[in-house]
């Protein structure tokens, strides 16, 4: 799948515009609790942006792990094919 730079810029602009719109609608801060003793005061749009970026990072890392696994599998297949060709040449 080929992704154009124009499409990425357009999608990023739409996404940032949406987060700005949410910030304008709700400029007040809210309390984000990680645990009973840990909390942060931040805006809803910042939390939305961070959750979106966290999800994108998670998807990117899982795709990277999948591609690394596929690379190792292809590497093993190529070694087996090379050994088979060498055995075929000897026969």
N, C-alpha and C. Protein backbone atom coordinates (compact mmCIF):
# COMPACT_ATOMS: atom_id res chain seq x y z
N UNK A 1 0.85 -1.18 0.00
CA UNK A 1 0.00 0.00 0.00
C UNK A 1 0.89 1.24 0.00
N UNK A 2 0.69 2.09 -0.98
CA UNK A 2 1.48 3.30 -1.10
C UNK A 2 0.72 4.47 -0.48
N UNK A 3 1.39 5.18 0.42
CA UNK A 3 0.77 6.32 1.10
C UNK A 3 1.46 7.58 0.59
N UNK A 4 0.67 8.53 0.12
CA UNK A 4 1.25 9.76 -0.39
C UNK A 4 1.46 10.76 0.74
N UNK A 5 2.43 11.62 0.55
CA UNK A 5 2.73 12.65 1.54
C UNK A 5 1.56 13.62 1.66
N UNK A 6 0.92 13.91 0.55
CA UNK A 6 -0.23 14.81 0.56
C UNK A 6 -1.36 14.24 1.42
N UNK A 7 -1.59 12.93 1.32
CA UNK A 7 -2.62 12.28 2.13
C UNK A 7 -2.29 12.32 3.62
N UNK A 8 -1.03 12.11 3.95
CA UNK A 8 -0.61 12.15 5.36
C UNK A 8 -0.79 13.56 5.92
N UNK A 9 -0.38 14.56 5.16
CA UNK A 9 -0.52 15.95 5.62
C UNK A 9 -1.99 16.30 5.77
N UNK A 10 -2.82 15.88 4.82
CA UNK A 10 -4.26 16.16 4.89
C UNK A 10 -4.88 15.49 6.12
N UNK A 11 -4.57 14.22 6.35
CA UNK A 11 -5.10 13.49 7.50
C UNK A 11 -4.64 14.13 8.81
N UNK A 12 -3.38 14.52 8.89
CA UNK A 12 -2.86 15.16 10.09
C UNK A 12 -3.54 16.50 10.34
N UNK A 13 -3.76 17.28 9.29
CA UNK A 13 -4.44 18.57 9.45
C UNK A 13 -5.87 18.38 9.93
N UNK A 14 -6.58 17.40 9.37
CA UNK A 14 -7.96 17.12 9.81
C UNK A 14 -7.96 16.69 11.27
N UNK A 15 -7.03 15.82 11.63
CA UNK A 15 -6.96 15.31 13.00
C UNK A 15 -6.65 16.43 13.99
N UNK A 16 -5.68 17.27 13.68
CA UNK A 16 -5.35 18.38 14.57
C UNK A 16 -6.49 19.39 14.64
N UNK A 17 -7.18 19.60 13.52
CA UNK A 17 -8.36 20.47 13.54
C UNK A 17 -9.45 19.93 14.44
N UNK A 18 -9.65 18.61 14.42
CA UNK A 18 -10.64 17.99 15.30
C UNK A 18 -10.26 18.17 16.77
N UNK A 19 -8.98 17.97 17.10
CA UNK A 19 -8.55 18.14 18.49
C UNK A 19 -8.68 19.60 18.93
N UNK A 20 -8.40 20.53 18.03
CA UNK A 20 -8.58 21.95 18.35
C UNK A 20 -10.06 22.26 18.57
N UNK A 21 -10.93 21.68 17.76
CA UNK A 21 -12.37 21.86 17.92
C UNK A 21 -12.85 21.34 19.27
N UNK A 22 -12.36 20.17 19.67
CA UNK A 22 -12.72 19.62 20.99
C UNK A 22 -12.21 20.52 22.10
N UNK A 23 -11.01 21.08 21.93
CA UNK A 23 -10.45 21.97 22.95
C UNK A 23 -11.28 23.25 23.06
N UNK A 24 -11.74 23.77 21.94
CA UNK A 24 -12.56 24.99 21.97
C UNK A 24 -13.90 24.71 22.64
N UNK A 25 -14.48 23.54 22.38
CA UNK A 25 -15.76 23.20 23.00
C UNK A 25 -15.63 22.96 24.50
N UNK A 26 -14.49 22.43 24.94
CA UNK A 26 -14.31 22.08 26.34
C UNK A 26 -12.94 22.57 26.81
N UNK A 27 -12.79 23.88 27.10
CA UNK A 27 -11.48 24.41 27.49
C UNK A 27 -11.11 24.12 28.95
N UNK A 28 -12.05 23.60 29.73
CA UNK A 28 -11.75 23.35 31.14
C UNK A 28 -10.84 22.13 31.29
N UNK A 29 -10.14 22.09 32.42
CA UNK A 29 -9.28 20.96 32.70
C UNK A 29 -10.06 19.87 33.41
N UNK A 30 -9.62 18.65 33.24
CA UNK A 30 -10.21 17.55 33.98
C UNK A 30 -9.10 16.77 34.67
N UNK A 31 -9.50 15.98 35.64
CA UNK A 31 -8.52 15.23 36.43
C UNK A 31 -8.43 13.81 35.88
N UNK A 32 -7.23 13.44 35.48
CA UNK A 32 -6.98 12.10 34.94
C UNK A 32 -6.25 11.29 36.00
N UNK A 33 -6.89 10.23 36.48
CA UNK A 33 -6.32 9.41 37.55
C UNK A 33 -5.69 8.14 36.99
N UNK A 34 -4.40 7.97 37.29
CA UNK A 34 -3.72 6.73 36.94
C UNK A 34 -3.86 5.70 38.05
N UNK A 35 -3.86 6.17 39.28
CA UNK A 35 -4.03 5.31 40.45
C UNK A 35 -4.70 6.15 41.53
N UNK A 36 -5.05 5.55 42.68
CA UNK A 36 -5.70 6.36 43.72
C UNK A 36 -4.84 7.52 44.23
N UNK A 37 -3.53 7.40 44.10
CA UNK A 37 -2.65 8.44 44.63
C UNK A 37 -2.00 9.29 43.53
N UNK A 38 -2.20 8.94 42.28
CA UNK A 38 -1.58 9.66 41.18
C UNK A 38 -2.66 10.19 40.24
N UNK A 39 -2.66 11.50 40.06
CA UNK A 39 -3.61 12.11 39.13
C UNK A 39 -2.96 13.31 38.45
N UNK A 40 -3.47 13.63 37.26
CA UNK A 40 -2.96 14.75 36.48
C UNK A 40 -4.14 15.62 36.06
N UNK A 41 -3.92 16.92 36.03
CA UNK A 41 -4.93 17.84 35.52
C UNK A 41 -4.52 18.24 34.11
N UNK A 42 -5.40 17.93 33.16
CA UNK A 42 -5.12 18.23 31.76
C UNK A 42 -6.44 18.41 31.02
N UNK A 43 -6.36 18.86 29.79
CA UNK A 43 -7.59 19.06 29.01
C UNK A 43 -7.97 17.76 28.29
N UNK A 44 -9.22 17.69 27.90
CA UNK A 44 -9.73 16.50 27.20
C UNK A 44 -9.04 16.31 25.86
N UNK A 45 -8.76 17.40 25.16
CA UNK A 45 -8.14 17.27 23.84
C UNK A 45 -6.72 16.71 23.95
N UNK A 46 -5.99 17.07 25.00
CA UNK A 46 -4.65 16.52 25.20
C UNK A 46 -4.73 15.02 25.47
N UNK A 47 -5.70 14.61 26.29
CA UNK A 47 -5.87 13.18 26.56
C UNK A 47 -6.25 12.42 25.28
N UNK A 48 -7.11 13.01 24.47
CA UNK A 48 -7.49 12.36 23.21
C UNK A 48 -6.29 12.25 22.27
N UNK A 49 -5.51 13.30 22.19
CA UNK A 49 -4.34 13.29 21.32
C UNK A 49 -3.32 12.25 21.79
N UNK A 50 -3.08 12.19 23.09
CA UNK A 50 -2.13 11.21 23.63
C UNK A 50 -2.63 9.78 23.44
N UNK A 51 -3.92 9.56 23.62
CA UNK A 51 -4.44 8.20 23.42
C UNK A 51 -4.36 7.80 21.95
N UNK A 52 -4.62 8.73 21.04
CA UNK A 52 -4.50 8.43 19.62
C UNK A 52 -3.05 8.12 19.26
N UNK A 53 -2.11 8.93 19.74
CA UNK A 53 -0.71 8.69 19.45
C UNK A 53 -0.22 7.39 20.09
N UNK A 54 -0.71 7.09 21.29
CA UNK A 54 -0.35 5.82 21.93
C UNK A 54 -0.85 4.63 21.13
N UNK A 55 -2.06 4.71 20.63
CA UNK A 55 -2.60 3.64 19.79
C UNK A 55 -1.82 3.49 18.49
N UNK A 56 -1.46 4.61 17.88
CA UNK A 56 -0.68 4.56 16.65
C UNK A 56 0.70 3.95 16.91
N UNK A 57 1.30 4.30 18.04
CA UNK A 57 2.59 3.72 18.40
C UNK A 57 2.48 2.22 18.62
N UNK A 58 1.41 1.79 19.28
CA UNK A 58 1.19 0.36 19.52
C UNK A 58 1.03 -0.40 18.21
N UNK A 59 0.25 0.15 17.29
CA UNK A 59 0.06 -0.50 15.99
C UNK A 59 1.38 -0.54 15.22
N UNK A 60 2.13 0.54 15.26
CA UNK A 60 3.42 0.56 14.57
C UNK A 60 4.39 -0.47 15.13
N UNK A 61 4.44 -0.60 16.44
CA UNK A 61 5.34 -1.58 17.05
C UNK A 61 4.92 -3.01 16.73
N UNK A 62 3.62 -3.28 16.76
CA UNK A 62 3.18 -4.64 16.43
C UNK A 62 3.46 -4.97 14.96
N UNK A 63 3.30 -4.00 14.06
CA UNK A 63 3.64 -4.24 12.66
C UNK A 63 5.14 -4.45 12.49
N UNK A 64 5.94 -3.70 13.24
CA UNK A 64 7.39 -3.87 13.17
C UNK A 64 7.79 -5.27 13.63
N UNK A 65 7.21 -5.73 14.72
CA UNK A 65 7.50 -7.08 15.22
C UNK A 65 7.08 -8.13 14.20
N UNK A 66 5.92 -7.93 13.59
CA UNK A 66 5.43 -8.87 12.57
C UNK A 66 6.37 -8.90 11.37
N UNK A 67 6.85 -7.74 10.93
CA UNK A 67 7.76 -7.68 9.79
C UNK A 67 9.11 -8.31 10.12
N UNK A 68 9.60 -8.12 11.33
CA UNK A 68 10.85 -8.75 11.74
C UNK A 68 10.70 -10.26 11.73
N UNK A 69 9.59 -10.75 12.25
CA UNK A 69 9.33 -12.20 12.25
C UNK A 69 9.29 -12.73 10.82
N UNK A 70 8.59 -12.03 9.94
CA UNK A 70 8.50 -12.44 8.54
C UNK A 70 9.88 -12.44 7.88
N UNK A 71 10.71 -11.46 8.22
CA UNK A 71 12.07 -11.41 7.68
C UNK A 71 12.90 -12.60 8.10
N UNK A 72 12.81 -12.98 9.37
CA UNK A 72 13.54 -14.16 9.83
C UNK A 72 13.03 -15.43 9.16
N UNK A 73 11.72 -15.52 8.96
CA UNK A 73 11.16 -16.70 8.28
C UNK A 73 11.65 -16.77 6.84
N UNK A 74 11.65 -15.65 6.13
CA UNK A 74 12.13 -15.64 4.75
C UNK A 74 13.61 -15.96 4.67
N UNK A 75 14.35 -15.49 5.65
CA UNK A 75 15.78 -15.78 5.70
C UNK A 75 16.01 -17.28 5.84
N UNK A 76 15.23 -17.93 6.70
CA UNK A 76 15.35 -19.38 6.86
C UNK A 76 14.95 -20.12 5.60
N UNK A 77 13.90 -19.66 4.94
CA UNK A 77 13.45 -20.30 3.69
C UNK A 77 14.53 -20.17 2.62
N UNK A 78 15.17 -19.01 2.53
CA UNK A 78 16.22 -18.82 1.53
C UNK A 78 17.41 -19.73 1.80
N UNK A 79 17.75 -19.93 3.06
CA UNK A 79 18.85 -20.84 3.39
C UNK A 79 18.52 -22.26 2.97
N UNK A 80 17.29 -22.69 3.22
CA UNK A 80 16.87 -24.04 2.83
C UNK A 80 16.88 -24.18 1.31
N UNK A 81 16.40 -23.17 0.60
CA UNK A 81 16.40 -23.22 -0.86
C UNK A 81 17.82 -23.28 -1.41
N UNK A 82 18.72 -22.51 -0.81
CA UNK A 82 20.11 -22.52 -1.26
C UNK A 82 20.73 -23.89 -1.05
N UNK A 83 20.46 -24.50 0.10
CA UNK A 83 20.98 -25.84 0.37
C UNK A 83 20.40 -26.86 -0.61
N UNK A 84 19.13 -26.74 -0.93
CA UNK A 84 18.51 -27.66 -1.89
C UNK A 84 19.12 -27.49 -3.28
N UNK A 85 19.38 -26.25 -3.71
CA UNK A 85 20.00 -26.02 -5.01
C UNK A 85 21.41 -26.60 -5.06
N UNK A 86 22.14 -26.44 -3.96
CA UNK A 86 23.50 -27.00 -3.92
C UNK A 86 23.45 -28.52 -4.00
N UNK A 87 22.50 -29.14 -3.30
CA UNK A 87 22.36 -30.59 -3.36
C UNK A 87 21.93 -31.03 -4.76
N UNK A 88 21.11 -30.24 -5.42
CA UNK A 88 20.67 -30.57 -6.77
C UNK A 88 21.83 -30.49 -7.76
N UNK A 89 22.70 -29.49 -7.59
CA UNK A 89 23.85 -29.34 -8.48
C UNK A 89 24.83 -30.50 -8.30
N UNK A 90 24.96 -31.00 -7.07
CA UNK A 90 25.86 -32.12 -6.81
C UNK A 90 25.33 -33.42 -7.39
N UNK A 91 24.03 -33.55 -7.51
CA UNK A 91 23.44 -34.82 -7.97
C UNK A 91 23.56 -35.01 -9.45
